[in-house]
Protein backbone atom coordinates (compact mmCIF):
# COMPACT_ATOMS: atom_id res chain seq x y z
CA PRO A 1 -59.66 -23.93 -102.58
CA GLU A 2 -61.80 -26.56 -104.23
CA PRO A 3 -64.95 -27.67 -102.39
CA ALA A 4 -65.26 -31.36 -101.63
CA GLU A 5 -68.17 -33.53 -102.77
CA GLY A 6 -71.41 -32.08 -101.39
CA GLU A 7 -69.77 -28.76 -100.35
CA VAL A 8 -70.14 -25.26 -101.78
CA LEU A 9 -67.50 -22.50 -101.92
CA ILE A 10 -68.88 -18.99 -101.33
CA HIS A 11 -66.92 -15.76 -101.90
CA MET A 12 -67.92 -13.28 -99.18
CA SER A 13 -68.42 -9.73 -100.45
CA HIS A 14 -69.71 -8.13 -97.22
CA ILE A 15 -69.51 -9.00 -93.52
CA SER A 16 -71.21 -7.34 -90.58
CA LEU A 17 -68.89 -6.22 -87.76
CA ASP A 18 -71.03 -5.01 -84.89
CA PRO A 19 -69.99 -2.91 -81.86
CA SER A 20 -71.32 -5.68 -79.60
CA MET A 21 -68.46 -7.93 -80.77
CA ARG A 22 -66.01 -5.84 -78.76
CA GLY A 23 -67.90 -6.65 -75.55
CA GLN A 24 -67.56 -10.34 -76.38
CA MET A 25 -63.81 -10.03 -76.96
CA GLU A 26 -63.27 -8.09 -73.72
CA ASN A 27 -65.66 -10.29 -71.69
CA ARG A 28 -67.90 -7.29 -70.89
CA ALA A 29 -71.09 -8.49 -72.60
CA ASP A 30 -73.41 -10.21 -70.15
CA TYR A 31 -75.89 -11.31 -72.84
CA VAL A 32 -73.49 -13.53 -74.85
CA ALA A 33 -70.71 -15.96 -73.98
CA PRO A 34 -67.21 -14.40 -73.92
CA LEU A 35 -64.75 -15.16 -76.71
CA HIS A 36 -61.26 -16.51 -76.24
CA ILE A 37 -58.28 -16.51 -78.61
CA GLY A 38 -58.94 -19.07 -81.32
CA ASP A 39 -62.74 -19.03 -80.91
CA VAL A 40 -65.02 -18.52 -83.91
CA MET A 41 -66.65 -15.08 -84.17
CA ARG A 42 -70.14 -15.29 -85.61
CA ALA A 43 -71.20 -12.56 -88.04
CA GLY A 44 -73.73 -11.98 -90.77
CA GLY A 45 -72.50 -11.78 -94.33
CA VAL A 46 -73.40 -11.60 -98.00
CA GLY A 47 -71.82 -13.88 -100.54
């Protein structure tokens, strides 16, 4: 894809998938809001 005016396209080479994400997906984590189908999963990455 081509970035629009004022945007930047970044190719991600690494992404962090943490065990705590599973608790979010299964609504078991009491320290973060639960995720639902279609929600955005936040993760760290390098690009």
